[in-house]
Amino acid sequence: MTNQENSLLAIIGAARRRVPAVDYALGAAGIAAAGALVIGILGHGRAAAIILGGMLAAMFLLLLFDQLARTKTPAIMTAGISLMWAISIFFILFLIFTTTAVAFKWPIIWFDMLFGEGLRKVSVCLEATEQLTVFSCGGGQDDDTYVIANVPLSDVEGGLNIRASPSVVAPKLGLIPSNGIDIRSLGSCELSWCPVQCNQIKGWAHAEYLRTRRAALRAVAPLPATQPESTVPRNIEPPVLRIRNGPDHSCGVVATIPQSARNIIAHSCQPSPIGGMSWCEVTFNNTSGWVPENTLISITQSK
């Protein structure tokens, strides 16, 4: 090794001894470099540049403040060590928030800075062919038939598995999408599992993801004409509710619901990955989509 390399290693070694947090910052820097490389290869050059830029800036400031920490003046030495602690902790938090932004789109502002607002919007708005046509299991529209409920937006399979027996390890017989309706009950539920039939498939489904049609029915809350999710088409009064192809105001309108409707099926309501506003996945007539939760009320409230 050259003297210059030995000198740099000595400086880093001394910094690690003076400020233990530097150890974690250096480890995080290695992870950040590897992550930036992968993200860059996947085509997200902007995110990779921000991560690498943050890493290099943190390393430069650590070496700069280390010069202060090595002076013989107690006040300057204390200031240098304090600044090294602050930069190390800040850099570690920077990487933690970067990781959550990449994995969970939170904080949403940081996700937008890394990838751009366009990617965020595209990721939650479905194509016209995706889960927008209601999925019927052919069990009829009796109030005691089941509909799918409580399937999270982040669910990998996007629906509910029917299994051969009441167990999560039982073989899968089929999958009912998150907007499934008309699921026939074949008897009483046992230990949180219910015997059901969807078309020709008979098996068991977890009760947490089932709701009777009667319990799922909703009506439209009063909609002022100025509300973002309402619109007043020509010659139609009162306002109608827009169904969108994703849980965000930027997603396209796929259908509308009249103010008087009382047969809206609410499958699940949860915060949108964009901004945290609560949206409900609903089915109305033959179309499924999303509406803001505050635009729906229970049938009893609508009377």
C-alpha atoms as a PDB file:
ATOM      1  CA  MET A   1       0.000   0.000   0.000  1.00  0.00           C
ATOM      2  CA  THR A   2       1.114   3.570  -0.599  1.00  0.00           C
ATOM      3  CA  ASN A   3       1.657   6.049   2.204  1.00  0.00           C
ATOM      4  CA  GLN A   4      -1.427   7.905   1.032  1.00  0.00           C
ATOM      5  CA  GLU A   5      -3.560   4.755   1.359  1.00  0.00           C
ATOM      6  CA  ASN A   6      -2.079   4.009   4.767  1.00  0.00           C
ATOM      7  CA  SER A   7      -2.795   7.569   5.842  1.00  0.00           C
ATOM      8  CA  LEU A   8      -6.451   7.364   4.685  1.00  0.00           C
ATOM      9  CA  LEU A   9      -6.947   4.031   6.452  1.00  0.00           C
ATOM     10  CA  ALA A  10      -5.341   5.468   9.592  1.00  0.00           C
ATOM     11  CA  ILE A  11      -7.688   8.458   9.506  1.00  0.00           C
ATOM     12  CA  ILE A  12     -10.742   6.213   9.100  1.00  0.00           C
ATOM     13  CA  GLY A  13      -9.502   3.898  11.858  1.00  0.00           C
ATOM     14  CA  ALA A  14      -9.011   6.813  14.230  1.00  0.00           C
ATOM     15  CA  ALA A  15     -12.433   8.198  13.371  1.00  0.00           C
ATOM     16  CA  ARG A  16     -14.050   4.835  14.145  1.00  0.00           C
ATOM     17  CA  ARG A  17     -12.376   4.751  17.541  1.00  0.00           C
ATOM     18  CA  ARG A  18     -13.421   8.290  18.428  1.00  0.00           C
ATOM     19  CA  VAL A  19     -17.016   7.979  17.176  1.00  0.00           C
ATOM     20  CA  PRO A  20     -18.450   4.420  17.237  1.00  0.00           C
ATOM     21  CA  ALA A  21     -21.373   5.520  15.030  1.00  0.00           C
ATOM     22  CA  VAL A  22     -18.892   5.899  12.170  1.00  0.00           C
ATOM     23  CA  ASP A  23     -18.674   2.083  12.082  1.00  0.00           C
ATOM     24  CA  TYR A  24     -22.409   1.845  11.358  1.00  0.00           C
ATOM     25  CA  ALA A  25     -22.247   4.678   8.853  1.00  0.00           C
ATOM     26  CA  LEU A  26     -19.445   2.924   6.947  1.00  0.00           C
ATOM     27  CA  GLY A  27     -21.375  -0.353   6.916  1.00  0.00           C
ATOM     28  CA  ALA A  28     -24.473   1.458   5.724  1.00  0.00           C
ATOM     29  CA  ALA A  29     -22.386   3.161   3.035  1.00  0.00           C
ATOM     30  CA  GLY A  30     -21.376  -0.234   1.633  1.00  0.00           C
ATOM     31  CA  ILE A  31     -25.000  -1.362   1.554  1.00  0.00           C
ATOM     32  CA  ALA A  32     -26.011   1.937  -0.051  1.00  0.00           C
ATOM     33  CA  ALA A  33     -23.397   1.565  -2.784  1.00  0.00           C
ATOM     34  CA  ALA A  34     -24.606  -1.965  -3.597  1.00  0.00           C
ATOM     35  CA  GLY A  35     -28.249  -0.864  -3.534  1.00  0.00           C
ATOM     36  CA  ALA A  36     -27.558   2.122  -5.770  1.00  0.00           C
ATOM     37  CA  LEU A  37     -25.828  -0.173  -8.269  1.00  0.00           C
ATOM     38  CA  VAL A  38     -28.848  -2.502  -8.408  1.00  0.00           C
ATOM     39  CA  ILE A  39     -31.337   0.385  -8.663  1.00  0.00           C
ATOM     40  CA  GLY A  40     -29.248   1.958 -11.419  1.00  0.00           C
ATOM     41  CA  ILE A  41     -29.179  -1.296 -13.398  1.00  0.00           C
ATOM     42  CA  LEU A  42     -32.988  -1.474 -13.090  1.00  0.00           C
ATOM     43  CA  GLY A  43     -33.180   1.889 -14.842  1.00  0.00           C
ATOM     44  CA  HIS A  44     -33.721   4.243 -11.902  1.00  0.00           C
ATOM     45  CA  GLY A  45     -30.686   6.441 -12.478  1.00  0.00           C
ATOM     46  CA  ARG A  46     -32.131   9.359 -10.546  1.00  0.00           C
ATOM     47  CA  ALA A  47     -32.555   7.318  -7.362  1.00  0.00           C
ATOM     48  CA  ALA A  48     -29.102   5.777  -7.757  1.00  0.00           C
ATOM     49  CA  ALA A  49     -27.519   9.216  -8.174  1.00  0.00           C
ATOM     50  CA  ILE A  50     -29.253  10.582  -5.053  1.00  0.00           C
ATOM     51  CA  ILE A  51     -28.185   7.598  -2.945  1.00  0.00           C
ATOM     52  CA  LEU A  52     -24.570   7.722  -4.144  1.00  0.00           C
ATOM     53  CA  GLY A  53     -24.508  11.509  -3.772  1.00  0.00           C
ATOM     54  CA  GLY A  54     -25.758  11.242  -0.194  1.00  0.00           C
ATOM     55  CA  MET A  55     -23.182   8.569   0.598  1.00  0.00           C
ATOM     56  CA  LEU A  56     -20.257  10.586  -0.846  1.00  0.00           C
ATOM     57  CA  ALA A  57     -21.419  13.774   0.879  1.00  0.00           C
ATOM     58  CA  ALA A  58     -21.616  11.983   4.234  1.00  0.00           C
ATOM     59  CA  MET A  59     -18.160  10.437   3.815  1.00  0.00           C
ATOM     60  CA  PHE A  60     -16.640  13.798   2.843  1.00  0.00           C
ATOM     61  CA  LEU A  61     -18.181  15.541   5.861  1.00  0.00           C
ATOM     62  CA  LEU A  62     -17.011  12.778   8.207  1.00  0.00           C
ATOM     63  CA  LEU A  63     -13.416  13.162   7.011  1.00  0.00           C
ATOM     64  CA  LEU A  64     -13.703  16.958   7.194  1.00  0.00           C
ATOM     65  CA  PHE A  65     -15.016  16.990  10.744  1.00  0.00           C
ATOM     66  CA  ASP A  66     -12.467  14.378  11.735  1.00  0.00           C
ATOM     67  CA  GLN A  67      -9.837  17.065  11.147  1.00  0.00           C
ATOM     68  CA  LEU A  68     -11.548  19.177  13.789  1.00  0.00           C
ATOM     69  CA  ALA A  69     -11.791  16.215  16.171  1.00  0.00           C
ATOM     70  CA  ARG A  70      -8.005  15.732  15.961  1.00  0.00           C
ATOM     71  CA  THR A  71      -7.100  19.263  17.035  1.00  0.00           C
ATOM     72  CA  LYS A  72      -5.668  19.907  20.500  1.00  0.00           C
ATOM     73  CA  THR A  73      -8.149  22.645  21.350  1.00  0.00           C
ATOM     74  CA  PRO A  74     -10.797  20.999  23.584  1.00  0.00           C
ATOM     75  CA  ALA A  75     -13.718  23.110  22.313  1.00  0.00           C
ATOM     76  CA  ILE A  76     -12.938  22.468  18.646  1.00  0.00           C
ATOM     77  CA  MET A  77     -12.295  18.778  19.337  1.00  0.00           C
ATOM     78  CA  THR A  78     -15.677  18.432  21.069  1.00  0.00           C
ATOM     79  CA  ALA A  79     -17.413  20.237  18.207  1.00  0.00           C
ATOM     80  CA  GLY A  80     -15.737  17.953  15.649  1.00  0.00           C
ATOM     81  CA  ILE A  81     -16.748  14.791  17.495  1.00  0.00           C
ATOM     82  CA  SER A  82     -20.318  16.079  17.926  1.00  0.00           C
ATOM     83  CA  LEU A  83     -20.561  16.862  14.227  1.00  0.00           C
ATOM     84  CA  MET A  84     -19.257  13.400  13.325  1.00  0.00           C
ATOM     85  CA  TRP A  85     -21.929  11.835  15.520  1.00  0.00           C
ATOM     86  CA  ALA A  86     -24.603  14.010  13.899  1.00  0.00           C
ATOM     87  CA  ILE A  87     -23.503  13.185  10.336  1.00  0.00           C
ATOM     88  CA  SER A  88     -23.276   9.446  11.104  1.00  0.00           C
ATOM     89  CA  ILE A  89     -26.775   9.339  12.614  1.00  0.00           C
ATOM     90  CA  PHE A  90     -28.220  11.521   9.856  1.00  0.00           C
ATOM     91  CA  PHE A  91     -26.717   9.269   7.161  1.00  0.00           C
ATOM     92  CA  ILE A  92     -28.081   6.126   8.817  1.00  0.00           C
ATOM     93  CA  LEU A  93     -31.567   7.724   8.988  1.00  0.00           C
ATOM     94  CA  PHE A  94     -31.177   8.798   5.352  1.00  0.00           C
ATOM     95  CA  LEU A  95     -30.657   5.163   4.355  1.00  0.00           C
ATOM     96  CA  ILE A  96     -33.477   3.877   6.570  1.00  0.00           C
ATOM     97  CA  PHE A  97     -35.975   6.276   4.980  1.00  0.00           C
ATOM     98  CA  THR A  98     -34.588   5.457   1.535  1.00  0.00           C
ATOM     99  CA  THR A  99     -35.170   1.755   2.202  1.00  0.00           C
ATOM    100  CA  THR A 100     -38.768   2.304   3.376  1.00  0.00           C
ATOM    101  CA  ALA A 101     -39.421   4.592   0.400  1.00  0.00           C
ATOM    102  CA  VAL A 102     -38.204   1.931  -2.042  1.00  0.00           C
ATOM    103  CA  ALA A 103     -39.999  -0.946  -0.289  1.00  0.00           C
ATOM    104  CA  PHE A 104     -43.216   0.695   0.948  1.00  0.00           C
ATOM    105  CA  LYS A 105     -43.433   4.088  -0.874  1.00  0.00           C
ATOM    106  CA  TRP A 106     -43.102   5.861   2.507  1.00  0.00           C
ATOM    107  CA  PRO A 107     -42.373   8.675   3.178  1.00  0.00           C
ATOM    108  CA  ILE A 108     -44.213   9.519  -0.019  1.00  0.00           C
ATOM    109  CA  ILE A 109     -42.343  12.817  -0.497  1.00  0.00           C
ATOM    110  CA  TRP A 110     -38.986  10.999  -0.430  1.00  0.00           C
ATOM    111  CA  PHE A 111     -40.287   8.335  -2.847  1.00  0.00           C
ATOM    112  CA  ASP A 112     -41.246  11.088  -5.297  1.00  0.00           C
ATOM    113  CA  MET A 113     -37.803  12.683  -4.989  1.00  0.00           C
ATOM    114  CA  LEU A 114     -36.113   9.349  -5.700  1.00  0.00           C
ATOM    115  CA  PHE A 115     -38.300   8.054  -8.516  1.00  0.00           C
ATOM    116  CA  GLY A 116     -40.565  10.899  -9.589  1.00  0.00           C
ATOM    117  CA  GLU A 117     -44.277  11.377  -8.996  1.00  0.00           C
ATOM    118  CA  GLY A 118     -45.149   9.706 -12.300  1.00  0.00           C
ATOM    119  CA  LEU A 119     -43.888   6.278 -11.186  1.00  0.00           C
ATOM    120  CA  ARG A 120     -45.915   6.495  -7.989  1.00  0.00           C
ATOM    121  CA  LYS A 121     -49.126   7.247  -9.869  1.00  0.00           C
ATOM    122  CA  VAL A 122     -48.615   4.564 -12.503  1.00  0.00           C
ATOM    123  CA  SER A 123     -48.022   1.947  -9.798  1.00  0.00           C
ATOM    124  CA  VAL A 124     -51.517   2.245  -8.290  1.00  0.00           C
ATOM    125  CA  CYS A 125     -53.689   2.854 -11.371  1.00  0.00           C
ATOM    126  CA  LEU A 126     -54.773  -0.423 -12.946  1.00  0.00           C
ATOM    127  CA  GLU A 127     -55.028  -1.097 -16.642  1.00  0.00           C
ATOM    128  CA  ALA A 128     -58.555  -1.340 -18.008  1.00  0.00           C
ATOM    129  CA  THR A 129     -58.409  -5.153 -18.067  1.00  0.00           C
ATOM    130  CA  GLU A 130     -57.200  -5.585 -14.476  1.00  0.00           C
ATOM    131  CA  GLN A 131     -59.844  -6.380 -11.836  1.00  0.00           C
ATOM    132  CA  LEU A 132     -62.246  -3.765 -13.159  1.00  0.00           C
ATOM    133  CA  THR A 133     -64.870  -6.258 -14.297  1.00  0.00           C
ATOM    134  CA  VAL A 134     -66.692  -7.806 -11.366  1.00  0.00           C
ATOM    135  CA  PHE A 135     -65.786 -11.453 -10.632  1.00  0.00           C
ATOM    136  CA  SER A 136     -68.912 -13.486  -9.871  1.00  0.00           C
ATOM    137  CA  CYS A 137     -68.769 -16.928  -8.286  1.00  0.00           C
ATOM    138  CA  GLY A 138     -72.255 -17.735  -9.563  1.00  0.00           C
ATOM    139  CA  GLY A 139     -73.884 -18.173  -6.169  1.00  0.00           C
ATOM    140  CA  GLY A 140     -76.666 -15.671  -6.824  1.00  0.00           C
ATOM    141  CA  GLN A 141     -77.257 -12.242  -5.281  1.00  0.00           C
ATOM    142  CA  ASP A 142     -78.809 -13.371  -2.025  1.00  0.00           C
ATOM    143  CA  ASP A 143     -77.957 -11.142   0.954  1.00  0.00           C
ATOM    144  CA  ASP A 144     -76.315 -14.093   2.723  1.00  0.00           C
ATOM    145  CA  THR A 145     -73.868 -14.914  -0.062  1.00  0.00           C
ATOM    146  CA  TYR A 146     -70.309 -13.800   0.563  1.00  0.00           C
ATOM    147  CA  VAL A 147     -68.151 -11.142  -1.052  1.00  0.00           C
ATOM    148  CA  ILE A 148     -64.381 -10.797  -0.710  1.00  0.00           C
ATOM    149  CA  ALA A 149     -63.316  -8.328   1.994  1.00  0.00           C
ATOM    150  CA  ASN A 150     -60.195  -6.931   3.649  1.00  0.00           C
ATOM    151  CA  VAL A 151     -57.666  -7.945   0.989  1.00  0.00           C
ATOM    152  CA  PRO A 152     -54.866  -5.351   1.292  1.00  0.00           C
ATOM    153  CA  LEU A 153     -53.702  -3.378  -1.746  1.00  0.00           C
ATOM    154  CA  SER A 154     -50.226  -4.821  -1.220  1.00  0.00           C
ATOM    155  CA  ASP A 155     -51.421  -8.442  -1.283  1.00  0.00           C
ATOM    156  CA  VAL A 156     -49.148 -10.413  -3.607  1.00  0.00           C
ATOM    157  CA  GLU A 157     -51.848 -12.784  -4.826  1.00  0.00           C
ATOM    158  CA  GLY A 158     -54.543 -10.111  -4.995  1.00  0.00           C
ATOM    159  CA  GLY A 159     -57.339 -12.277  -3.721  1.00  0.00           C
ATOM    160  CA  LEU A 160     -58.494 -15.131  -1.501  1.00  0.00           C
ATOM    161  CA  ASN A 161     -57.381 -18.747  -1.851  1.00  0.00           C
ATOM    162  CA  ILE A 162     -59.902 -21.570  -1.615  1.00  0.00           C
ATOM    163  CA  ARG A 163     -58.229 -24.522   0.094  1.00  0.00           C
ATOM    164  CA  ALA A 164     -58.972 -28.222   0.295  1.00  0.00           C
ATOM    165  CA  SER A 165     -59.288 -28.139   4.108  1.00  0.00           C
ATOM    166  CA  PRO A 166     -59.461 -25.456   6.840  1.00  0.00           C
ATOM    167  CA  SER A 167     -55.729 -24.828   7.057  1.00  0.00           C
ATOM    168  CA  VAL A 168     -53.229 -22.376   5.573  1.00  0.00           C
ATOM    169  CA  VAL A 169     -51.052 -25.298   4.520  1.00  0.00           C
ATOM    170  CA  ALA A 170     -53.843 -27.150   2.734  1.00  0.00           C
ATOM    171  CA  PRO A 171     -53.605 -27.414  -1.080  1.00  0.00           C
ATOM    172  CA  LYS A 172     -55.005 -24.465  -3.033  1.00  0.00           C
ATOM    173  CA  LEU A 173     -58.033 -25.246  -5.172  1.00  0.00           C
ATOM    174  CA  GLY A 174     -58.511 -21.788  -6.675  1.00  0.00           C
ATOM    175  CA  LEU A 175     -58.200 -18.029  -6.172  1.00  0.00           C
ATOM    176  CA  ILE A 176     -61.052 -15.527  -5.896  1.00  0.00           C
ATOM    177  CA  PRO A 177     -59.955 -11.989  -6.887  1.00  0.00           C
ATOM    178  CA  SER A 178     -60.326  -9.138  -4.389  1.00  0.00           C
ATOM    179  CA  ASN A 179     -63.541  -7.992  -6.141  1.00  0.00           C
ATOM    180  CA  GLY A 180     -65.192 -11.412  -5.996  1.00  0.00           C
ATOM    181  CA  ILE A 181     -68.917 -11.609  -5.211  1.00  0.00           C
ATOM    182  CA  ASP A 182     -71.743 -14.191  -5.154  1.00  0.00           C
ATOM    183  CA  ILE A 183     -69.733 -16.739  -3.130  1.00  0.00           C
ATOM    184  CA  ARG A 184     -72.053 -19.467  -1.886  1.00  0.00           C
ATOM    185  CA  SER A 185     -71.903 -20.601   1.746  1.00  0.00           C
ATOM    186  CA  LEU A 186     -71.908 -24.371   2.211  1.00  0.00           C
ATOM    187  CA  GLY A 187     -72.443 -24.369   5.962  1.00  0.00           C
ATOM    188  CA  SER A 188     -71.298 -22.918   9.266  1.00  0.00           C
ATOM    189  CA  CYS A 189     -67.777 -21.589   9.738  1.00  0.00           C
ATOM    190  CA  GLU A 190     -65.354 -23.566  11.909  1.00  0.00           C
ATOM    191  CA  LEU A 191     -62.329 -22.074  13.680  1.00  0.00           C
ATOM    192  CA  SER A 192     -62.237 -18.997  11.412  1.00  0.00           C
ATOM    193  CA  TRP A 193     -62.667 -21.075   8.239  1.00  0.00           C
ATOM    194  CA  CYS A 194     -65.841 -21.228   6.155  1.00  0.00           C
ATOM    195  CA  PRO A 195     -66.931 -23.842   3.595  1.00  0.00           C
ATOM    196  CA  VAL A 196     -67.686 -22.049   0.329  1.00  0.00           C
ATOM    197  CA  GLN A 197     -68.326 -22.604  -3.355  1.00  0.00           C
ATOM    198  CA  CYS A 198     -67.113 -20.427  -6.220  1.00  0.00           C
ATOM    199  CA  ASN A 199     -68.427 -21.654  -9.573  1.00  0.00           C
ATOM    200  CA  GLN A 200     -67.437 -25.338  -9.678  1.00  0.00           C
ATOM    201  CA  ILE A 201     -64.829 -25.143  -6.899  1.00  0.00           C
ATOM    202  CA  LYS A 202     -65.795 -26.186  -3.368  1.00  0.00           C
ATOM    203  CA  GLY A 203     -63.438 -25.723  -0.438  1.00  0.00           C
ATOM    204  CA  TRP A 204     -62.527 -23.623   2.576  1.00  0.00           C
ATOM    205  CA  ALA A 205     -61.791 -19.870   2.834  1.00  0.00           C
ATOM    206  CA  HIS A 206     -60.587 -17.839   5.807  1.00  0.00           C
ATOM    207  CA  ALA A 207     -63.440 -15.916   7.430  1.00  0.00           C
ATOM    208  CA  GLU A 208     -61.302 -12.770   7.818  1.00  0.00           C
ATOM    209  CA  TYR A 209     -61.565 -12.199   4.072  1.00  0.00           C
ATOM    210  CA  LEU A 210     -65.276 -12.874   3.727  1.00  0.00           C
ATOM    211  CA  ARG A 211     -68.273 -10.623   4.352  1.00  0.00           C
ATOM    212  CA  THR A 212     -71.946 -11.214   3.636  1.00  0.00           C
ATOM    213  CA  ARG A 213     -73.420  -9.137   0.836  1.00  0.00           C
ATOM    214  CA  ARG A 214     -75.824  -7.610   3.353  1.00  0.00           C
ATOM    215  CA  ALA A 215     -72.954  -6.405   5.579  1.00  0.00           C
ATOM    216  CA  ALA A 216     -70.972  -5.080   2.594  1.00  0.00           C
ATOM    217  CA  LEU A 217     -73.717  -2.932   1.044  1.00  0.00           C
ATOM    218  CA  ARG A 218     -73.189   0.835   1.100  1.00  0.00           C
ATOM    219  CA  ALA A 219     -74.958   3.959  -0.172  1.00  0.00           C
ATOM    220  CA  VAL A 220     -73.523   7.214  -1.523  1.00  0.00           C
ATOM    221  CA  ALA A 221     -72.918   9.960   1.014  1.00  0.00           C
ATOM    222  CA  PRO A 222     -74.308  13.417   0.176  1.00  0.00           C
ATOM    223  CA  LEU A 223     -72.121  14.807  -2.608  1.00  0.00           C
ATOM    224  CA  PRO A 224     -71.788  18.545  -3.159  1.00  0.00           C
ATOM    225  CA  ALA A 225     -71.217  19.414  -6.793  1.00  0.00           C
ATOM    226  CA  THR A 226     -67.828  20.934  -5.915  1.00  0.00           C
ATOM    227  CA  GLN A 227     -66.417  17.735  -4.396  1.00  0.00           C
ATOM    228  CA  PRO A 228     -63.502  16.245  -6.430  1.00  0.00           C
ATOM    229  CA  GLU A 229     -65.113  12.825  -6.645  1.00  0.00           C
ATOM    230  CA  SER A 230     -68.474  14.116  -7.816  1.00  0.00           C
ATOM    231  CA  THR A 231     -69.537  15.429 -11.170  1.00  0.00           C
ATOM    232  CA  VAL A 232     -72.782  16.760 -12.579  1.00  0.00           C
ATOM    233  CA  PRO A 233     -73.243  15.444 -16.129  1.00  0.00           C
ATOM    234  CA  ARG A 234     -75.574  17.422 -18.370  1.00  0.00           C
ATOM    235  CA  ASN A 235     -79.253  16.869 -17.560  1.00  0.00           C
ATOM    236  CA  ILE A 236     -78.464  14.685 -14.508  1.00  0.00           C
ATOM    237  CA  GLU A 237     -79.274  15.725 -10.949  1.00  0.00           C
ATOM    238  CA  PRO A 238     -78.066  15.229  -8.247  1.00  0.00           C
ATOM    239  CA  PRO A 239     -74.270  14.655  -8.540  1.00  0.00           C
ATOM    240  CA  VAL A 240     -72.852  11.209  -9.228  1.00  0.00           C
ATOM    241  CA  LEU A 241     -69.863   9.475  -7.651  1.00  0.00           C
ATOM    242  CA  ARG A 242     -66.845   8.603  -9.815  1.00  0.00           C
ATOM    243  CA  ILE A 243     -65.314   5.116  -9.641  1.00  0.00           C
ATOM    244  CA  ARG A 244     -61.604   5.192 -10.494  1.00  0.00           C
ATOM    245  CA  ASN A 245     -59.192   2.493 -11.655  1.00  0.00           C
ATOM    246  CA  GLY A 246     -56.925   3.084  -8.667  1.00  0.00           C
ATOM    247  CA  PRO A 247     -56.909   4.606  -5.161  1.00  0.00           C
ATOM    248  CA  ASP A 248     -55.858   8.106  -6.227  1.00  0.00           C
ATOM    249  CA  HIS A 249     -57.487  11.179  -7.772  1.00  0.00           C
ATOM    250  CA  SER A 250     -55.025  10.942 -10.684  1.00  0.00           C
ATOM    251  CA  CYS A 251     -56.401   7.539 -11.770  1.00  0.00           C
ATOM    252  CA  GLY A 252     -58.933   7.306 -14.585  1.00  0.00           C
ATOM    253  CA  VAL A 253     -62.712   7.232 -14.183  1.00  0.00           C
ATOM    254  CA  VAL A 254     -64.202   3.857 -15.186  1.00  0.00           C
ATOM    255  CA  ALA A 255     -67.833   4.319 -14.094  1.00  0.00           C
ATOM    256  CA  THR A 256     -70.148   6.548 -12.100  1.00  0.00           C
ATOM    257  CA  ILE A 257     -72.636   5.849  -9.308  1.00  0.00           C
ATOM    258  CA  PRO A 258     -75.861   7.874  -8.958  1.00  0.00           C
ATOM    259  CA  GLN A 259     -76.554   9.628  -5.661  1.00  0.00           C
ATOM    260  CA  SER A 260     -79.569   7.369  -5.053  1.00  0.00           C
ATOM    261  CA  ALA A 261     -77.636   4.075  -5.316  1.00  0.00           C
ATOM    262  CA  ARG A 262     -77.959   1.728  -2.341  1.00  0.00           C
ATOM    263  CA  ASN A 263     -76.416  -1.430  -3.813  1.00  0.00           C
ATOM    264  CA  ILE A 264     -72.706  -0.570  -3.717  1.00  0.00           C
ATOM    265  CA  ILE A 265     -70.566  -3.456  -2.461  1.00  0.00           C
ATOM    266  CA  ALA A 266     -67.587  -2.280  -0.387  1.00  0.00           C
ATOM    267  CA  HIS A 267     -64.872  -4.943  -0.411  1.00  0.00           C
ATOM    268  CA  SER A 268     -62.247  -3.173   1.697  1.00  0.00           C
ATOM    269  CA  CYS A 269     -61.209   0.326   2.773  1.00  0.00           C
ATOM    270  CA  GLN A 270     -57.592   1.223   3.474  1.00  0.00           C
ATOM    271  CA  PRO A 271     -55.080   4.061   3.085  1.00  0.00           C
ATOM    272  CA  SER A 272     -53.811   4.582  -0.441  1.00  0.00           C
ATOM    273  CA  PRO A 273     -50.098   3.967  -1.075  1.00  0.00           C
ATOM    274  CA  ILE A 274     -50.163   7.555  -2.335  1.00  0.00           C
ATOM    275  CA  GLY A 275     -50.629  10.150   0.354  1.00  0.00           C
ATOM    276  CA  GLY A 276     -52.480   8.028   2.924  1.00  0.00           C
ATOM    277  CA  MET A 277     -56.079   9.050   2.070  1.00  0.00           C
ATOM    278  CA  SER A 278     -58.448   6.142   2.707  1.00  0.00           C
ATOM    279  CA  TRP A 279     -60.071   4.585  -0.374  1.00  0.00           C
ATOM    280  CA  CYS A 280     -62.524   1.696  -0.743  1.00  0.00           C
ATOM    281  CA  GLU A 281     -62.483  -0.977  -3.404  1.00  0.00           C
ATOM    282  CA  VAL A 282     -66.112  -1.243  -4.512  1.00  0.00           C
ATOM    283  CA  THR A 283     -68.290  -3.086  -6.977  1.00  0.00           C
ATOM    284  CA  PHE A 284     -71.304  -1.425  -8.559  1.00  0.00           C
ATOM    285  CA  ASN A 285     -73.348  -3.295 -11.173  1.00  0.00           C
ATOM    286  CA  ASN A 286     -70.677  -4.930 -13.377  1.00  0.00           C
ATOM    287  CA  THR A 287     -67.740  -2.641 -12.589  1.00  0.00           C
ATOM    288  CA  SER A 288     -65.175  -2.611  -9.780  1.00  0.00           C
ATOM    289  CA  GLY A 289     -62.854   0.209  -8.796  1.00  0.00           C
ATOM    290  CA  TRP A 290     -62.031   2.677  -6.031  1.00  0.00           C
ATOM    291  CA  VAL A 291     -63.823   5.589  -4.357  1.00  0.00           C
ATOM    292  CA  PRO A 292     -62.805   7.683  -1.328  1.00  0.00           C
ATOM    293  CA  GLU A 293     -64.062   6.134   1.891  1.00  0.00           C
ATOM    294  CA  ASN A 294     -65.743   9.369   2.972  1.00  0.00           C
ATOM    295  CA  THR A 295     -68.086   9.184  -0.036  1.00  0.00           C
ATOM    296  CA  LEU A 296     -69.793   6.042   1.293  1.00  0.00           C
ATOM    297  CA  ILE A 297     -72.208   5.510   4.185  1.00  0.00           C
ATOM    298  CA  SER A 298     -73.981   2.461   5.552  1.00  0.00           C
ATOM    299  CA  ILE A 299     -77.461   1.675   4.314  1.00  0.00           C
ATOM    300  CA  THR A 300     -78.975   2.531   7.720  1.00  0.00           C
ATOM    301  CA  GLN A 301     -77.321   5.985   7.663  1.00  0.00           C
ATOM    302  CA  SER A 302     -78.824   6.706   4.255  1.00  0.00           C
ATOM    303  CA  LYS A 303     -82.403   6.323   5.469  1.00  0.00           C
END
